[in-house]
C-alpha atoms as a PDB file:
ATOM      1  CA  MET A   1      27.112 -36.223  54.147  1.00  0.00           C
ATOM      2  CA  VAL A   2      29.784 -33.820  53.715  1.00  0.00           C
ATOM      3  CA  THR A   3      30.715 -32.240  56.879  1.00  0.00           C
ATOM      4  CA  MET A   4      31.901 -28.942  57.480  1.00  0.00           C
ATOM      5  CA  GLU A   5      35.293 -29.891  58.873  1.00  0.00           C
ATOM      6  CA  ARG A   6      35.531 -31.147  55.238  1.00  0.00           C
ATOM      7  CA  LEU A   7      34.246 -28.108  53.601  1.00  0.00           C
ATOM      8  CA  VAL A   8      37.030 -25.897  55.793  1.00  0.00           C
ATOM      9  CA  LEU A   9      39.855 -28.737  54.515  1.00  0.00           C
ATOM     10  CA  ASP A  10      38.682 -28.371  51.078  1.00  0.00           C
ATOM     11  CA  GLU A  11      38.521 -24.935  51.229  1.00  0.00           C
ATOM     12  CA  VAL A  12      42.514 -24.469  53.086  1.00  0.00           C
ATOM     13  CA  ARG A  13      43.696 -26.779  50.476  1.00  0.00           C
ATOM     14  CA  ARG A  14      42.717 -24.836  47.815  1.00  0.00           C
ATOM     15  CA  ILE A  15      44.193 -21.526  49.310  1.00  0.00           C
ATOM     16  CA  ALA A  16      47.125 -22.931  50.089  1.00  0.00           C
ATOM     17  CA  ARG A  17      47.810 -24.213  46.238  1.00  0.00           C
ATOM     18  CA  ALA A  18      46.849 -21.603  44.567  1.00  0.00           C
ATOM     19  CA  GLU A  19      47.306 -18.529  46.621  1.00  0.00           C
ATOM     20  CA  LEU A  20      50.653 -19.762  48.685  1.00  0.00           C
ATOM     21  CA  GLU A  21      51.910 -22.468  46.177  1.00  0.00           C
ATOM     22  CA  PHE A  22      52.366 -24.628  49.193  1.00  0.00           C
ATOM     23  CA  ALA A  23      52.270 -28.083  47.834  1.00  0.00           C
ATOM     24  CA  GLY A  24      52.726 -30.333  50.997  1.00  0.00           C
ATOM     25  CA  ASP A  25      49.648 -32.961  52.210  1.00  0.00           C
ATOM     26  CA  ILE A  26      47.292 -31.060  54.445  1.00  0.00           C
ATOM     27  CA  GLU A  27      44.691 -32.756  56.689  1.00  0.00           C
ATOM     28  CA  LEU A  28      43.209 -32.032  59.810  1.00  0.00           C
ATOM     29  CA  SER A  29      45.995 -33.020  62.247  1.00  0.00           C
ATOM     30  CA  SER A  30      48.390 -30.463  60.250  1.00  0.00           C
ATOM     31  CA  ARG A  31      49.728 -27.559  62.203  1.00  0.00           C
ATOM     32  CA  LEU A  32      48.834 -24.388  60.629  1.00  0.00           C
ATOM     33  CA  LYS A  33      52.622 -22.395  61.858  1.00  0.00           C
ATOM     34  CA  GLU A  34      55.065 -25.636  61.943  1.00  0.00           C
ATOM     35  CA  ASP A  35      53.578 -28.277  58.983  1.00  0.00           C
ATOM     36  CA  LEU A  36      51.535 -25.580  56.535  1.00  0.00           C
ATOM     37  CA  GLU A  37      54.583 -23.035  57.208  1.00  0.00           C
ATOM     38  CA  LEU A  38      51.967 -20.559  57.994  1.00  0.00           C
ATOM     39  CA  ASP A  39      53.359 -17.200  58.657  1.00  0.00           C
ATOM     40  CA  SER A  40      51.109 -13.783  59.755  1.00  0.00           C
ATOM     41  CA  LEU A  41      50.688 -13.014  56.594  1.00  0.00           C
ATOM     42  CA  ALA A  42      49.797 -16.609  54.831  1.00  0.00           C
ATOM     43  CA  MET A  43      47.690 -16.385  58.099  1.00  0.00           C
ATOM     44  CA  ILE A  44      45.403 -14.113  57.012  1.00  0.00           C
ATOM     45  CA  VAL A  45      45.358 -14.997  53.195  1.00  0.00           C
ATOM     46  CA  VAL A  46      44.118 -18.144  54.454  1.00  0.00           C
ATOM     47  CA  ALA A  47      41.238 -15.760  56.569  1.00  0.00           C
ATOM     48  CA  VAL A  48      40.492 -13.749  54.169  1.00  0.00           C
ATOM     49  CA  GLY A  49      40.070 -16.608  51.852  1.00  0.00           C
ATOM     50  CA  LEU A  50      37.912 -18.675  54.096  1.00  0.00           C
ATOM     51  CA  GLU A  51      35.722 -15.786  55.326  1.00  0.00           C
ATOM     52  CA  ASN A  52      35.073 -15.131  51.821  1.00  0.00           C
ATOM     53  CA  HIS A  53      34.224 -18.505  51.202  1.00  0.00           C
ATOM     54  CA  PHE A  54      32.104 -19.464  53.796  1.00  0.00           C
ATOM     55  CA  ARG A  55      30.606 -15.852  54.957  1.00  0.00           C
ATOM     56  CA  VAL A  56      32.042 -15.386  57.920  1.00  0.00           C
ATOM     57  CA  LYS A  57      33.921 -12.807  60.457  1.00  0.00           C
ATOM     58  CA  LEU A  58      37.159 -14.657  61.328  1.00  0.00           C
ATOM     59  CA  GLU A  59      38.710 -11.912  64.234  1.00  0.00           C
ATOM     60  CA  GLU A  60      42.475 -11.520  64.923  1.00  0.00           C
ATOM     61  CA  GLN A  61      42.591 -12.643  68.492  1.00  0.00           C
ATOM     62  CA  ASP A  62      41.344 -15.906  66.854  1.00  0.00           C
ATOM     63  CA  ALA A  63      44.972 -16.877  65.920  1.00  0.00           C
ATOM     64  CA  GLY A  64      46.478 -17.187  68.897  1.00  0.00           C
ATOM     65  CA  VAL A  65      44.126 -20.088  69.908  1.00  0.00           C
ATOM     66  CA  LEU A  66      44.576 -22.223  66.445  1.00  0.00           C
ATOM     67  CA  VAL A  67      46.686 -24.859  66.026  1.00  0.00           C
ATOM     68  CA  THR A  68      45.982 -27.124  63.335  1.00  0.00           C
ATOM     69  CA  VAL A  69      43.410 -27.179  60.410  1.00  0.00           C
ATOM     70  CA  ALA A  70      40.903 -28.589  62.709  1.00  0.00           C
ATOM     71  CA  ASP A  71      40.813 -25.680  65.215  1.00  0.00           C
ATOM     72  CA  LEU A  72      40.393 -23.693  62.046  1.00  0.00           C
ATOM     73  CA  ALA A  73      37.484 -25.709  60.762  1.00  0.00           C
ATOM     74  CA  GLN A  74      35.886 -25.708  64.457  1.00  0.00           C
ATOM     75  CA  LEU A  75      36.092 -21.950  64.685  1.00  0.00           C
ATOM     76  CA  VAL A  76      34.652 -21.344  60.861  1.00  0.00           C
ATOM     77  CA  GLU A  77      31.877 -23.723  62.030  1.00  0.00           C
ATOM     78  CA  ARG A  78      31.025 -21.682  65.125  1.00  0.00           C
ATOM     79  CA  ARG A  79      31.180 -18.694  63.047  1.00  0.00           C
ATOM     80  CA  SER A  80      28.971 -19.969  61.008  1.00  0.00           C
ATOM     81  CA  GLY A  81      26.622 -20.357  63.718  1.00  0.00           C
ATOM     82  CA  GLU A  82      26.424 -17.202  64.984  1.00  0.00           C
ATOM     83  CA  GLU A  83      26.048 -15.169  61.530  1.00  0.00           C
ATOM     84  CA  ARG A  84      23.085 -18.048  61.149  1.00  0.00           C
ATOM     85  CA  ALA A  85      21.654 -17.177  64.386  1.00  0.00           C
ATOM     86  CA  PRO A  86      18.866 -14.473  65.467  1.00  0.00           C
ATOM     87  CA  ALA A  87      20.047 -11.419  66.723  1.00  0.00           C
END
């Protein structure tokens, strides 16, 4: 079974290569700023790509608590659950 973490990891890899021309390795433990060299503009590109792909809403204030790709995957999973929850 494919986990949400794996789906987010695959999508981050796709966005990083296609949109940001990042050629390095990307794992769940990869740090967004230090390892992937994502500045604030690149973070927006990743966030918008994930929002479009997973149909979730990521907030600007979320960026402050994200350190690794795994953190990002957990956020997308949490927001995905929130989107599906009845109001």
